[in-house]
Amino acid sequence: MTTNRGTRRPTAEERREQVLEAGISVFAEYGFHATKTADIAKRAGISQPYIYALFDDKKALFLACLQRSRQQIRDAFAASWVPGGTPEETLAVLGDNYRKLLGDTDARRCQLQGYAASADPEIREFMRRGFIEVSDMLMKRTGADHATVARFMAAGNLLNLGAVLGLPPEYTDMVF
């Protein structure tokens, strides 16, 4: 669709993507409870009511932002997974690829905000289910046991903290 001046209007899906990107950034900065949808709308360059045309409510938008972050992680693991090798070798390759995501500190902070907002039962269940899904996927793909995958996931959380806090490498280089 075009406007009177001949410029193309963004589609609803393109607007949804803009809102998700803005939402990840704003939720990362302020957390779920302190974020205002008006701030997300402003950052996305849309009206606040349009957010509610795309998402039922602020929590649905927050969960969609968290899902986006989770999907980035799953995609990074899928892109670097190659059958063969020991579980530890395979996890090391996956971990090296995960490090590429650390430059997107907004996504990592948003992920951490999901854990921080887990007093809300719906958010807690979303985060819990996601943790279990990723953990189970790693066990299935690598052949690693629960303890090995738990250490891998813990190392990933340490890397997240290192990225968002700007820790010197000596605090995180020992993982993977």
Protein backbone atom coordinates (compact mmCIF):
# COMPACT_ATOMS: atom_id res chain seq x y z
CA MET A 1 0.00 0.00 0.00
CA THR A 2 1.23 3.51 -0.75
CA THR A 3 0.39 6.90 0.65
CA ASN A 4 -0.61 9.92 -1.42
CA ARG A 5 3.06 10.79 -1.85
CA GLY A 6 3.92 7.42 -3.31
CA THR A 7 5.85 6.09 -0.32
CA ARG A 8 5.09 2.56 0.78
CA ARG A 9 3.42 2.08 4.15
CA PRO A 10 4.84 -0.66 6.35
CA THR A 11 2.77 -3.81 6.56
CA ALA A 12 1.30 -4.99 9.86
CA GLU A 13 4.03 -7.63 10.04
CA GLU A 14 6.74 -5.00 9.49
CA ARG A 15 5.16 -2.85 12.20
CA ARG A 16 5.03 -5.90 14.50
CA GLU A 17 8.77 -6.40 13.93
CA GLN A 18 9.41 -2.72 14.75
CA VAL A 19 7.40 -3.05 17.95
CA LEU A 20 9.28 -6.22 18.97
CA GLU A 21 12.65 -4.56 18.42
CA ALA A 22 11.55 -1.48 20.35
CA GLY A 23 9.97 -3.66 23.02
CA ILE A 24 13.15 -5.68 23.54
CA SER A 25 15.10 -2.46 23.97
CA VAL A 26 12.65 -0.78 26.35
CA PHE A 27 11.93 -3.91 28.41
CA ALA A 28 15.69 -4.48 28.66
CA GLU A 29 16.11 -1.00 30.06
CA TYR A 30 13.11 -0.77 32.41
CA GLY A 31 11.88 -4.31 33.03
CA PHE A 32 8.36 -5.61 32.62
CA HIS A 33 6.63 -3.70 35.40
CA ALA A 34 8.20 -0.26 34.84
CA THR A 35 7.90 -0.30 31.04
CA LYS A 36 5.14 1.81 29.53
CA THR A 37 3.67 0.80 26.19
CA ALA A 38 3.72 4.50 25.27
CA ASP A 39 7.53 4.38 25.46
CA ILE A 40 7.63 1.32 23.22
CA ALA A 41 5.26 2.96 20.74
CA LYS A 42 7.37 6.12 20.67
CA ARG A 43 10.57 4.13 20.06
CA ALA A 44 8.83 2.11 17.32
CA GLY A 45 7.45 5.26 15.69
CA ILE A 46 3.81 4.25 16.00
CA SER A 47 0.82 5.26 18.07
CA GLN A 48 0.24 3.54 21.39
CA PRO A 49 -3.20 2.20 20.37
CA TYR A 50 -1.56 0.43 17.41
CA ILE A 51 0.40 -1.73 19.86
CA TYR A 52 -2.92 -3.11 21.07
CA ALA A 53 -3.93 -3.89 17.51
CA LEU A 54 -0.81 -6.11 17.34
CA PHE A 55 -0.72 -7.52 20.89
CA ASP A 56 -3.50 -8.19 23.38
CA ASP A 57 -1.71 -6.42 26.22
CA LYS A 58 1.70 -5.46 27.59
CA LYS A 59 2.32 -8.96 28.94
CA ALA A 60 1.63 -10.52 25.52
CA LEU A 61 4.14 -8.09 24.01
CA PHE A 62 6.70 -8.91 26.73
CA LEU A 63 6.26 -12.64 26.13
CA ALA A 64 6.66 -12.10 22.37
CA CYS A 65 9.91 -10.20 23.02
CA LEU A 66 11.14 -13.03 25.24
CA GLN A 67 10.14 -15.55 22.58
CA ARG A 68 12.17 -13.59 20.01
CA SER A 69 15.22 -13.74 22.29
CA ARG A 70 14.71 -17.47 22.89
CA GLN A 71 14.36 -18.12 19.17
CA GLN A 72 17.66 -16.32 18.51
CA ILE A 73 19.34 -18.72 20.92
CA ARG A 74 17.70 -21.79 19.39
CA ASP A 75 18.64 -20.58 15.90
CA ALA A 76 22.26 -20.03 16.96
CA PHE A 77 22.43 -23.57 18.34
CA ALA A 78 20.74 -25.05 15.27
CA ALA A 79 23.10 -23.20 12.91
CA SER A 80 26.21 -24.51 14.64
CA TRP A 81 25.13 -28.04 15.51
CA VAL A 82 27.02 -30.72 13.62
CA PRO A 83 26.49 -34.38 14.49
CA GLY A 84 29.51 -36.21 15.83
CA GLY A 85 32.07 -35.65 18.50
CA THR A 86 31.64 -36.04 22.22
CA PRO A 87 28.85 -34.20 24.01
CA GLU A 88 31.43 -31.85 25.53
CA GLU A 89 32.99 -31.07 22.12
CA THR A 90 29.58 -30.46 20.61
CA LEU A 91 28.55 -28.19 23.48
CA ALA A 92 31.82 -26.26 23.11
CA VAL A 93 30.99 -25.53 19.45
CA LEU A 94 27.44 -24.49 20.38
CA GLY A 95 28.81 -22.28 23.15
CA ASP A 96 31.24 -20.58 20.80
CA ASN A 97 28.34 -19.78 18.48
CA TYR A 98 26.26 -18.52 21.42
CA ARG A 99 28.99 -15.97 22.14
CA LYS A 100 28.07 -14.26 18.85
CA LEU A 101 24.70 -13.33 20.38
CA LEU A 102 26.29 -11.53 23.31
CA GLY A 103 26.81 -8.34 21.31
CA ASP A 104 23.03 -7.82 21.37
CA THR A 105 22.97 -6.76 25.01
CA ASP A 106 19.37 -5.55 24.78
CA ALA A 107 18.20 -9.08 23.95
CA ARG A 108 20.29 -10.53 26.78
CA ARG A 109 19.02 -7.93 29.27
CA CYS A 110 15.46 -8.55 28.12
CA GLN A 111 16.01 -12.26 28.73
CA LEU A 112 17.26 -11.48 32.24
CA GLN A 113 14.21 -9.27 32.79
CA GLY A 114 12.09 -12.32 32.03
CA TYR A 115 13.70 -14.11 34.96
CA ALA A 116 13.29 -11.02 37.14
CA ALA A 117 9.56 -10.85 36.34
CA SER A 118 8.98 -14.51 37.18
CA ALA A 119 6.90 -13.62 40.25
CA ASP A 120 4.10 -13.40 37.69
CA PRO A 121 2.87 -17.01 37.23
CA GLU A 122 2.39 -16.70 33.46
CA ILE A 123 5.85 -15.23 32.90
CA ARG A 124 7.40 -17.78 35.27
CA GLU A 125 5.78 -20.65 33.34
CA PHE A 126 6.94 -19.18 30.03
CA MET A 127 10.52 -18.86 31.28
CA ARG A 128 10.43 -22.30 32.94
CA ARG A 129 9.07 -23.97 29.81
CA GLY A 130 11.68 -22.26 27.65
CA PHE A 131 14.53 -23.32 29.92
CA ILE A 132 13.33 -26.93 29.86
CA GLU A 133 12.79 -26.91 26.09
CA VAL A 134 16.29 -25.59 25.36
CA SER A 135 17.84 -27.93 27.91
CA ASP A 136 16.00 -30.96 26.49
CA MET A 137 16.94 -29.95 22.94
CA LEU A 138 20.61 -29.75 23.96
CA MET A 139 20.51 -33.16 25.63
CA LYS A 140 18.83 -34.72 22.61
CA ARG A 141 21.16 -33.16 20.04
CA THR A 142 24.42 -33.61 21.92
CA GLY A 143 23.84 -36.77 23.93
CA ALA A 144 24.95 -34.91 27.07
CA ASP A 145 23.40 -35.77 30.43
CA HIS A 146 21.38 -33.39 32.63
CA ALA A 147 24.38 -32.36 34.75
CA THR A 148 26.52 -31.50 31.72
CA VAL A 149 23.74 -29.49 30.09
CA ALA A 150 22.99 -27.75 33.40
CA ARG A 151 26.63 -26.61 33.59
CA PHE A 152 26.42 -25.47 29.96
CA MET A 153 23.25 -23.47 30.67
CA ALA A 154 24.84 -21.99 33.80
CA ALA A 155 27.86 -20.96 31.74
CA GLY A 156 25.51 -19.28 29.24
CA ASN A 157 23.92 -17.30 32.03
CA LEU A 158 27.38 -16.26 33.24
CA LEU A 159 28.17 -15.09 29.71
CA ASN A 160 24.92 -13.10 29.66
CA LEU A 161 25.90 -11.39 32.90
CA GLY A 162 29.39 -10.76 31.59
CA ALA A 163 27.97 -9.14 28.46
CA VAL A 164 25.42 -6.91 30.15
CA LEU A 165 27.79 -5.90 32.97
CA GLY A 166 30.79 -5.41 30.69
CA LEU A 167 32.91 -7.81 32.72
CA PRO A 168 36.56 -8.20 31.72
CA PRO A 169 37.23 -11.42 29.76
CA GLU A 170 39.07 -13.10 32.63
CA TYR A 171 35.70 -13.44 34.41
CA THR A 172 34.04 -15.32 31.57
CA ASP A 173 36.75 -16.81 29.35
CA MET A 174 36.88 -20.03 31.34
CA VAL A 175 33.44 -21.13 30.17
CA PHE A 176 32.90 -23.46 27.21
